[in-house]
Amino acid sequence: MTANSKNSKNQCIEGDFSSGSPSVSPSVSPTGFPMNAKIIDVKDEAANSKRTLFFDKSFENASPGHFCMVWIRGVDEIPLGCSYANGVTFQVVGSATQALFQLKVGDSVGLRGPLGRPFTLPEKGDRVLIVSGGIGAAPLAPLAEKSKDIGAIVTIILGARSKSDLIFEERFTQTGDVILTTDDGSCGKKGFVTDVLNDLDLTKFDKIYVCGPELMMKFVMKILIEKQAVSKAEFSMERYFKCGIGVCGSCCMDSLGVRVCKDGPVFKAETLTDSEFGKYHRDASGKRVHY
């Protein structure tokens, strides 16, 4: 459901990460102080606190996989993936996202972006496999749209806990073949995205893109290794960010030393195999939190 459902089609720039729109003001810059951005539309994506906010400014030269830093005044500044050229999609997981969820049309936030390293785009005719879990669909939906526009052949494994948790099903369906999975079997195949992945012949795909909960991605990686498909894959990672521009080191990964905010969040799968990936991450204090 949309706060302004009649106008929502006019407020977003779907699948377009390069051009502007008559309804959207000059672009957000990735450098300097946060630029004030007014919320022009709010769309609930699922029943369990997943929401998209559309802004009156777009992300300059954004590509699928980029993220932005969203400043909720008086609360915190947090990283969110760019799910549209002028929108972000998130789920409530803490105080900052809870405060963001309370904002409505007419309210404003500070934006910095696009930031980080995005996905490597496929070429025309490439066979693309997208593996999405939960809110990981946010950066993958624009990737699927861009891949279709390029002329790639797209297959999507879209997973969630239940039917009510699925997001962007319609967006993905418009780009290629979608295989739905839910943990409880309420929609599509009962089970996990890895169950579907196990049954696929990965030699038929040229590129594989993955985003979702890290434990899910850990088991996806295991299958890719077993099927000798690691070199085809890219993973979008999540870590605790503070600066978002590679200065503070809060998001550095052992033992690679890479900064997820600057060198990622998208990484070649083969670079992650000897890292902390799938084992632990660090909280705001730098303490290890094991999976």
Protein backbone atom coordinates (compact mmCIF):
# COMPACT_ATOMS: atom_id res chain seq x y z
CA MET A 1 0.00 0.00 0.00
CA THR A 2 1.23 3.49 -0.87
CA ALA A 3 0.78 6.70 1.05
CA ASN A 4 -0.01 8.40 -2.24
CA SER A 5 -0.77 5.40 -4.42
CA LYS A 6 -2.28 7.36 -7.32
CA ASN A 7 0.94 9.29 -7.81
CA SER A 8 3.54 6.67 -6.89
CA LYS A 9 4.35 5.83 -10.54
CA ASN A 10 5.26 9.50 -11.08
CA GLN A 11 7.48 9.76 -8.05
CA CYS A 12 10.03 7.03 -8.73
CA ILE A 13 12.58 6.52 -11.47
CA GLU A 14 12.23 2.77 -11.93
CA GLY A 15 15.23 0.94 -13.31
CA ASP A 16 16.96 4.14 -14.42
CA PHE A 17 20.21 4.89 -12.61
CA SER A 18 21.50 7.60 -14.92
CA SER A 19 18.87 10.13 -15.90
CA GLY A 20 16.70 12.51 -13.97
CA SER A 21 12.95 13.07 -13.95
CA PRO A 22 10.77 16.18 -14.25
CA SER A 23 9.44 15.46 -10.75
CA VAL A 24 12.89 15.09 -9.19
CA SER A 25 15.29 17.91 -8.30
CA PRO A 26 19.06 18.05 -8.95
CA SER A 27 21.05 15.00 -7.95
CA VAL A 28 22.54 14.09 -4.59
CA SER A 29 26.33 14.34 -4.47
CA PRO A 30 28.51 11.55 -3.09
CA THR A 31 30.89 14.04 -1.46
CA GLY A 32 30.58 16.77 1.12
CA PHE A 33 27.80 17.24 3.66
CA PRO A 34 24.44 15.47 3.40
CA MET A 35 22.03 17.13 0.99
CA ASN A 36 18.54 17.79 2.27
CA ALA A 37 16.02 15.53 0.53
CA LYS A 38 12.26 15.67 0.98
CA ILE A 39 10.19 12.48 1.02
CA ILE A 40 7.69 12.64 -1.85
CA ASP A 41 6.21 9.14 -1.56
CA VAL A 42 6.12 6.21 0.84
CA LYS A 43 5.41 2.65 -0.27
CA ASP A 44 4.96 -0.33 2.04
CA GLU A 45 6.60 -3.31 0.37
CA ALA A 46 5.57 -6.01 2.85
CA ALA A 47 3.48 -6.52 5.95
CA ASN A 48 6.45 -6.72 8.28
CA SER A 49 8.04 -3.27 8.29
CA LYS A 50 9.67 -3.22 4.85
CA ARG A 51 9.24 0.15 3.19
CA THR A 52 10.47 2.27 0.27
CA LEU A 53 10.98 6.01 0.57
CA PHE A 54 11.12 8.15 -2.58
CA PHE A 55 12.91 11.50 -2.50
CA ASP A 56 12.72 14.72 -4.47
CA LYS A 57 16.37 14.24 -5.45
CA SER A 58 18.03 11.44 -7.41
CA PHE A 59 21.40 9.76 -6.93
CA GLU A 60 23.91 11.13 -9.44
CA ASN A 61 25.42 8.49 -11.76
CA ALA A 62 24.11 5.65 -9.59
CA SER A 63 24.51 2.04 -10.72
CA PRO A 64 22.90 -1.13 -9.30
CA GLY A 65 24.71 -2.10 -6.10
CA HIS A 66 25.55 1.43 -4.97
CA PHE A 67 24.41 2.58 -1.53
CA CYS A 68 23.78 5.93 0.13
CA MET A 69 24.12 7.26 3.65
CA VAL A 70 20.78 8.41 5.08
CA TRP A 71 20.89 10.90 7.94
CA ILE A 72 17.86 10.71 10.23
CA ARG A 73 18.27 13.96 12.10
CA GLY A 74 18.78 13.60 15.83
CA VAL A 75 19.06 9.82 15.55
CA ASP A 76 21.81 8.43 13.31
CA GLU A 77 23.22 8.18 9.79
CA ILE A 78 22.89 4.73 8.23
CA PRO A 79 23.76 3.02 4.92
CA LEU A 80 20.92 1.89 2.66
CA GLY A 81 21.02 0.37 -0.79
CA CYS A 82 19.72 2.40 -3.73
CA SER A 83 16.66 0.44 -4.85
CA TYR A 84 15.56 3.20 -7.25
CA ALA A 85 17.36 6.17 -8.75
CA ASN A 86 15.58 8.32 -6.16
CA GLY A 87 14.56 5.78 -3.55
CA VAL A 88 15.76 3.42 -0.82
CA THR A 89 14.14 0.28 0.54
CA PHE A 90 14.72 -0.94 4.09
CA GLN A 91 13.34 -3.03 6.93
CA VAL A 92 13.10 -2.07 10.58
CA VAL A 93 15.98 -3.65 12.50
CA GLY A 94 16.93 -1.01 15.08
CA SER A 95 16.33 2.48 16.43
CA ALA A 96 17.51 4.29 13.29
CA THR A 97 15.37 2.31 10.86
CA GLN A 98 12.46 2.54 13.31
CA ALA A 99 12.79 6.33 13.29
CA LEU A 100 13.04 6.30 9.49
CA PHE A 101 9.90 4.17 9.32
CA GLN A 102 7.99 6.85 11.22
CA LEU A 103 8.72 9.54 8.64
CA LYS A 104 6.02 10.51 6.16
CA VAL A 105 5.55 12.45 2.93
CA GLY A 106 6.82 16.00 3.42
CA ASP A 107 9.44 15.04 6.01
CA SER A 108 13.10 15.22 5.06
CA VAL A 109 16.41 13.44 5.61
CA GLY A 110 20.02 14.11 4.69
CA LEU A 111 21.49 12.06 1.82
CA ARG A 112 25.03 11.28 0.67
CA GLY A 113 25.58 9.08 -2.33
CA PRO A 114 25.89 7.08 -4.45
CA LEU A 115 28.76 5.40 -2.61
CA GLY A 116 30.82 2.23 -2.86
CA ARG A 117 31.54 -0.25 -5.61
CA PRO A 118 28.48 -1.47 -7.55
CA PHE A 119 27.83 -4.71 -9.43
CA THR A 120 29.72 -5.42 -12.63
CA LEU A 121 27.05 -5.23 -15.31
CA PRO A 122 26.51 -8.12 -17.73
CA GLU A 123 26.90 -7.86 -21.48
CA LYS A 124 24.21 -8.30 -24.09
CA GLY A 125 23.31 -11.97 -24.41
CA ASP A 126 24.83 -12.98 -21.05
CA ARG A 127 22.85 -15.50 -19.03
CA VAL A 128 22.40 -13.99 -15.59
CA LEU A 129 21.37 -15.69 -12.34
CA ILE A 130 20.26 -13.48 -9.45
CA VAL A 131 19.96 -15.04 -5.98
CA SER A 132 17.98 -12.86 -3.60
CA GLY A 133 17.04 -13.37 0.05
CA GLY A 134 14.83 -11.07 2.11
CA ILE A 135 15.71 -7.38 1.96
CA GLY A 136 18.62 -8.35 -0.30
CA ALA A 137 16.14 -7.82 -3.13
CA ALA A 138 16.61 -4.05 -2.74
CA PRO A 139 19.87 -3.71 -4.70
CA LEU A 140 19.11 -6.72 -6.92
CA ALA A 141 15.83 -5.47 -8.41
CA PRO A 142 17.46 -2.53 -10.23
CA LEU A 143 20.24 -4.91 -11.31
CA ALA A 144 17.68 -7.24 -12.87
CA GLU A 145 16.03 -4.29 -14.66
CA LYS A 146 19.35 -2.97 -15.94
CA SER A 147 20.41 -6.44 -17.08
CA LYS A 148 17.22 -6.83 -19.09
CA ASP A 149 17.71 -3.38 -20.64
CA ILE A 150 21.23 -4.40 -21.69
CA GLY A 151 19.86 -7.52 -23.36
CA ALA A 152 20.94 -10.17 -20.87
CA ILE A 153 18.79 -13.25 -20.17
CA VAL A 154 17.77 -13.07 -16.53
CA THR A 155 16.76 -15.80 -14.06
CA ILE A 156 15.93 -14.90 -10.46
CA ILE A 157 15.71 -17.05 -7.34
CA LEU A 158 13.64 -14.90 -4.97
CA GLY A 159 13.43 -16.15 -1.39
CA ALA A 160 11.85 -15.01 1.86
CA ARG A 161 10.55 -16.44 5.11
CA SER A 162 6.92 -16.32 3.97
CA LYS A 163 4.68 -14.87 1.27
CA SER A 164 4.16 -11.70 3.33
CA ASP A 165 7.94 -11.15 3.42
CA LEU A 166 8.48 -11.22 -0.35
CA ILE A 167 9.29 -7.89 -1.97
CA PHE A 168 9.67 -6.73 -5.58
CA GLU A 169 8.15 -9.89 -7.03
CA GLU A 170 6.45 -7.86 -9.77
CA ARG A 171 9.63 -5.95 -10.60
CA PHE A 172 11.61 -9.17 -10.94
CA THR A 173 8.86 -10.87 -12.99
CA GLN A 174 9.08 -8.09 -15.57
CA THR A 175 12.78 -8.83 -16.11
CA GLY A 176 12.92 -12.61 -16.53
CA ASP A 177 12.06 -16.01 -15.09
CA VAL A 178 11.41 -15.95 -11.34
CA ILE A 179 11.64 -18.98 -9.04
CA LEU A 180 9.95 -18.21 -5.72
CA THR A 181 10.90 -19.89 -2.45
CA THR A 182 9.56 -19.40 1.07
CA ASP A 183 10.70 -21.07 4.26
CA ASP A 184 7.13 -22.02 5.20
CA GLY A 185 5.89 -22.89 1.71
CA SER A 186 3.25 -20.14 1.70
CA CYS A 187 4.39 -19.08 -1.80
CA GLY A 188 6.40 -20.93 -4.42
CA LYS A 189 8.71 -23.78 -3.47
CA LYS A 190 8.94 -24.65 0.23
CA GLY A 191 12.52 -24.31 1.38
CA PHE A 192 15.49 -22.05 0.82
CA VAL A 193 17.11 -20.41 -2.19
CA THR A 194 19.95 -22.88 -1.77
CA ASP A 195 17.56 -25.77 -2.43
CA VAL A 196 16.77 -24.30 -5.83
CA LEU A 197 20.40 -23.38 -6.48
CA ASN A 198 21.45 -26.98 -5.82
CA ASP A 199 19.15 -28.19 -8.59
CA LEU A 200 20.37 -25.74 -11.24
CA ASP A 201 23.07 -26.37 -13.80
CA LEU A 202 25.30 -23.39 -13.11
CA THR A 203 27.34 -23.98 -16.25
CA LYS A 204 24.42 -22.41 -18.12
CA PHE A 205 25.01 -19.01 -16.50
CA ASP A 206 27.66 -16.42 -17.31
CA LYS A 207 27.19 -14.24 -14.23
CA ILE A 208 25.75 -14.87 -10.77
CA TYR A 209 24.75 -12.08 -8.36
CA VAL A 210 23.91 -12.67 -4.69
CA CYS A 211 22.51 -10.54 -1.86
CA GLY A 212 20.70 -11.50 1.34
CA PRO A 213 21.34 -12.52 4.95
CA GLU A 214 24.98 -13.51 5.37
CA LEU A 215 24.20 -17.03 6.56
CA MET A 216 22.18 -17.55 3.40
CA MET A 217 25.06 -16.22 1.32
CA LYS A 218 27.48 -18.49 3.18
CA PHE A 219 25.61 -21.56 1.99
CA VAL A 220 25.24 -20.10 -1.50
CA MET A 221 29.03 -19.72 -1.55
CA LYS A 222 29.42 -23.37 -0.49
CA ILE A 223 27.34 -24.51 -3.46
CA LEU A 224 29.23 -22.23 -5.85
CA ILE A 225 32.51 -23.72 -4.65
CA GLU A 226 31.20 -27.27 -5.04
CA LYS A 227 29.95 -26.50 -8.55
CA GLN A 228 33.09 -24.58 -9.50
CA ALA A 229 31.10 -21.42 -10.23
CA VAL A 230 32.76 -19.01 -7.79
CA SER A 231 34.57 -17.07 -10.51
CA LYS A 232 31.20 -16.08 -12.04
CA ALA A 233 29.73 -14.62 -8.86
CA GLU A 234 29.54 -11.30 -7.05
CA PHE A 235 28.21 -10.81 -3.52
CA SER A 236 26.82 -7.63 -1.99
CA MET A 237 28.02 -7.43 1.62
CA GLU A 238 26.73 -5.70 4.75
CA ARG A 239 28.87 -4.48 7.64
CA TYR A 240 28.63 -1.78 10.31
CA PHE A 241 29.33 1.58 8.62
CA LYS A 242 30.18 4.89 10.25
CA CYS A 243 31.72 7.19 7.66
CA GLY A 244 30.66 5.42 4.46
CA ILE A 245 33.70 6.72 2.54
CA GLY A 246 36.55 4.45 3.67
CA VAL A 247 38.10 6.68 6.32
CA CYS A 248 37.20 5.26 9.74
CA GLY A 249 37.85 1.55 9.17
CA SER A 250 34.76 0.35 11.06
CA CYS A 251 33.73 -1.91 8.18
CA CYS A 252 37.11 -3.51 7.47
CA MET A 253 37.00 -7.27 6.93
CA ASP A 254 39.52 -9.79 8.29
CA SER A 255 41.89 -10.90 6.93
CA LEU A 256 41.58 -9.02 3.66
CA GLY A 257 41.69 -5.58 5.22
CA VAL A 258 39.19 -4.32 2.65
CA ARG A 259 36.73 -1.58 3.55
CA VAL A 260 33.22 -2.73 2.70
CA CYS A 261 31.98 0.85 2.26
CA LYS A 262 34.76 1.79 -0.18
CA ASP A 263 36.08 -1.43 -1.74
CA GLY A 264 32.58 -2.92 -1.70
CA PRO A 265 29.81 -3.41 -0.85
CA VAL A 266 29.98 -5.63 -3.94
CA PHE A 267 32.87 -8.11 -4.05
CA LYS A 268 33.97 -10.84 -6.39
CA ALA A 269 33.01 -14.08 -4.64
CA GLU A 270 36.48 -15.55 -4.94
CA THR A 271 37.96 -12.71 -2.87
CA LEU A 272 35.71 -13.58 0.09
CA THR A 273 36.56 -17.27 0.46
CA ASP A 274 39.47 -16.70 2.88
CA SER A 275 37.89 -13.87 4.87
CA GLU A 276 35.60 -13.48 7.88
CA PHE A 277 32.65 -13.87 5.48
CA GLY A 278 30.10 -16.28 6.90
CA LYS A 279 31.96 -16.56 10.21
CA TYR A 280 31.51 -13.26 12.07
CA HIS A 281 31.05 -9.52 11.76
CA ARG A 282 31.75 -6.62 14.13
CA ASP A 283 29.36 -4.45 16.12
CA ALA A 284 29.60 -0.69 16.72
CA SER A 285 32.35 -1.19 19.31
CA GLY A 286 34.41 -3.41 17.01
CA LYS A 287 33.63 -6.59 18.95
CA ARG A 288 33.30 -9.78 16.94
CA VAL A 289 29.78 -11.15 16.64
CA HIS A 290 29.82 -14.75 15.45
CA TYR A 291 27.09 -16.20 13.26
